[in-house]
Amino acid sequence: MSQSSSFFSVRVRSAGFALLLGAACLASPAWAGGSARTDDDDPNVNAKGVVVNNILAVLRVSPSSAGKLCLKNLDEMHKVQKQLDVEETAQRSFDVGLLRDVLESDMESVVSSCGKDAQTACEGGAAGQNARLGKICAQLSELDSDEQSDDLQ
């Protein structure tokens, strides 16, 4: 086999792996859990849920942009959301406040890890997919600059 055909073979396999990885991300429990909560009694959870859902909108267009840490954090967030649903249904109020705090923390982790991945997707062309994604990508850019200014204070 010539060197050029060997190189081509590796490139095709790499592209196939990337497609397989993207499909696996979409089928993983982290993605299958759907979106973040935005209908909670806690307005902080709702506000973070909106940001998480915007990040997910970008990553659904470019699933290969989502890193392992992002997927892990999404999985953790969805587990806590499910546990919170169970506790609210059972009306065990002593667990609900603690679970909301954990959920809010998990959402912050998702925003931090997945937000960076979504920004990478935006820079890679996801922003041009449609007007909504363009607006979300602009907001993610603003979010990043707000975080940097917070670090300076």
Protein backbone atom coordinates (compact mmCIF):
# COMPACT_ATOMS: atom_id res chain seq x y z
CA MET A 1 0.00 0.00 0.00
CA SER A 2 1.41 3.40 -0.92
CA GLN A 3 2.00 6.09 1.66
CA SER A 4 -0.74 8.35 0.23
CA SER A 5 -3.38 5.60 0.22
CA SER A 6 -2.38 4.66 3.77
CA PHE A 7 -2.82 8.29 4.84
CA PHE A 8 -6.22 8.43 3.12
CA SER A 9 -7.29 5.22 4.85
CA VAL A 10 -6.40 6.65 8.26
CA ARG A 11 -8.25 9.91 7.49
CA VAL A 12 -11.39 8.01 6.45
CA ARG A 13 -11.24 5.90 9.61
CA SER A 14 -10.79 9.05 11.71
CA ALA A 15 -13.79 10.68 10.07
CA GLY A 16 -15.83 7.54 10.66
CA PHE A 17 -14.77 7.50 14.30
CA ALA A 18 -15.81 11.15 14.71
CA LEU A 19 -19.25 10.36 13.28
CA LEU A 20 -19.55 7.34 15.55
CA LEU A 21 -18.50 9.42 18.56
CA GLY A 22 -21.07 12.10 17.69
CA ALA A 23 -23.80 9.47 17.40
CA ALA A 24 -22.75 7.96 20.72
CA CYS A 25 -22.93 11.39 22.37
CA LEU A 26 -26.47 11.90 21.14
CA ALA A 27 -27.48 8.47 22.37
CA SER A 28 -25.74 8.76 25.74
CA PRO A 29 -27.76 9.23 28.92
CA ALA A 30 -26.39 12.78 29.27
CA TRP A 31 -28.05 13.83 26.01
CA ALA A 32 -31.06 11.56 26.38
CA GLY A 33 -32.06 13.32 29.60
CA GLY A 34 -33.30 16.18 27.50
CA SER A 35 -33.06 19.68 28.78
CA ALA A 36 -32.39 21.38 32.08
CA ARG A 37 -35.14 22.43 34.44
CA THR A 38 -36.67 25.83 33.89
CA ASP A 39 -39.91 25.31 35.83
CA ASP A 40 -38.55 25.04 39.36
CA ASP A 41 -39.75 27.00 42.38
CA ASP A 42 -36.21 28.36 42.69
CA PRO A 43 -35.56 31.22 40.23
CA ASN A 44 -31.79 30.59 40.38
CA VAL A 45 -32.30 27.04 39.10
CA ASN A 46 -34.56 28.36 36.33
CA ALA A 47 -32.04 31.00 35.23
CA LYS A 48 -29.20 28.48 35.10
CA GLY A 49 -31.50 26.03 33.30
CA VAL A 50 -32.07 28.53 30.50
CA VAL A 51 -28.30 28.94 30.03
CA VAL A 52 -27.76 25.16 30.08
CA ASN A 53 -30.51 24.66 27.49
CA ASN A 54 -28.95 27.25 25.20
CA ILE A 55 -25.59 25.49 25.48
CA LEU A 56 -27.28 22.17 24.70
CA ALA A 57 -28.94 23.70 21.61
CA VAL A 58 -25.48 24.46 20.22
CA LEU A 59 -24.01 21.08 21.17
CA ARG A 60 -26.91 19.22 19.55
CA VAL A 61 -25.89 20.81 16.24
CA SER A 62 -22.24 19.92 16.85
CA PRO A 63 -22.22 16.90 19.20
CA SER A 64 -18.60 16.06 18.52
CA SER A 65 -17.69 19.34 20.27
CA ALA A 66 -18.87 18.00 23.63
CA GLY A 67 -15.96 16.75 25.70
CA LYS A 68 -15.89 13.98 28.28
CA LEU A 69 -16.13 16.40 31.21
CA CYS A 70 -19.16 18.08 29.66
CA LEU A 71 -20.92 14.74 29.16
CA LYS A 72 -20.05 13.64 32.69
CA ASN A 73 -21.41 16.89 34.16
CA LEU A 74 -24.60 16.62 32.08
CA ASP A 75 -25.13 13.08 33.30
CA GLU A 76 -24.70 14.18 36.93
CA MET A 77 -27.09 17.10 36.44
CA HIS A 78 -29.76 14.85 34.93
CA LYS A 79 -29.41 12.35 37.80
CA VAL A 80 -30.00 15.10 40.35
CA GLN A 81 -32.95 16.46 38.33
CA LYS A 82 -34.55 13.01 38.39
CA GLN A 83 -33.89 12.65 42.11
CA LEU A 84 -35.40 16.09 42.72
CA ASP A 85 -38.51 15.08 40.75
CA VAL A 86 -38.88 11.99 42.95
CA GLU A 87 -38.47 13.99 46.16
CA GLU A 88 -40.96 16.64 45.04
CA THR A 89 -43.49 13.98 44.09
CA ALA A 90 -43.06 12.31 47.49
CA GLN A 91 -43.31 15.77 49.11
CA ARG A 92 -40.25 15.25 51.28
CA SER A 93 -39.34 18.89 51.75
CA PHE A 94 -36.23 18.24 53.84
CA ASP A 95 -34.49 16.76 50.79
CA VAL A 96 -35.78 19.23 48.20
CA GLY A 97 -33.78 22.26 49.37
CA LEU A 98 -30.55 20.30 49.47
CA LEU A 99 -31.21 18.75 46.06
CA ARG A 100 -31.90 22.19 44.57
CA ASP A 101 -28.54 23.38 45.89
CA VAL A 102 -26.82 20.34 44.38
CA LEU A 103 -28.68 20.84 41.09
CA GLU A 104 -27.67 24.49 40.95
CA SER A 105 -24.04 23.50 41.54
CA ASP A 106 -24.26 20.80 38.85
CA MET A 107 -25.74 23.34 36.43
CA GLU A 108 -22.81 25.66 37.12
CA SER A 109 -20.45 22.78 36.30
CA VAL A 110 -22.32 22.16 33.04
CA VAL A 111 -22.19 25.85 32.12
CA SER A 112 -18.46 25.91 32.82
CA SER A 113 -17.47 22.72 31.00
CA CYS A 114 -20.08 22.55 28.24
CA GLY A 115 -20.07 26.30 27.68
CA LYS A 116 -16.46 26.12 26.53
CA ASP A 117 -17.31 23.21 24.23
CA ALA A 118 -20.29 25.12 22.83
CA GLN A 119 -18.10 28.18 22.20
CA THR A 120 -15.72 25.95 20.26
CA ALA A 121 -18.69 24.72 18.21
CA CYS A 122 -19.78 28.32 17.63
CA GLU A 123 -16.32 29.26 16.40
CA GLY A 124 -16.40 26.17 14.18
CA GLY A 125 -19.50 27.31 12.31
CA ALA A 126 -22.48 26.31 14.48
CA ALA A 127 -23.44 29.98 14.82
CA GLY A 128 -24.19 30.12 11.11
CA GLN A 129 -26.70 27.24 11.22
CA ASN A 130 -29.65 29.54 11.97
CA ALA A 131 -30.49 32.86 13.60
CA ARG A 132 -31.33 31.32 16.98
CA LEU A 133 -27.95 29.61 17.22
CA GLY A 134 -26.22 32.81 16.12
CA LYS A 135 -27.91 34.65 18.99
CA ILE A 136 -27.02 31.89 21.47
CA CYS A 137 -23.39 31.92 20.32
CA ALA A 138 -23.25 35.69 20.83
CA GLN A 139 -24.69 35.25 24.34
CA LEU A 140 -22.11 32.55 25.13
CA SER A 141 -19.38 34.92 24.07
CA GLU A 142 -20.81 37.59 26.38
CA LEU A 143 -21.11 35.05 29.21
CA ASP A 144 -17.44 34.19 28.83
CA SER A 145 -16.39 37.85 28.94
CA ASP A 146 -18.61 38.41 32.01
CA GLU A 147 -16.88 35.50 33.79
CA GLN A 148 -13.47 36.92 32.92
CA SER A 149 -14.43 40.33 34.32
CA ASP A 150 -15.71 38.63 37.50
CA ASP A 151 -12.32 36.96 37.88
CA LEU A 152 -10.66 40.37 37.73
CA GLN A 153 -12.68 41.82 40.62
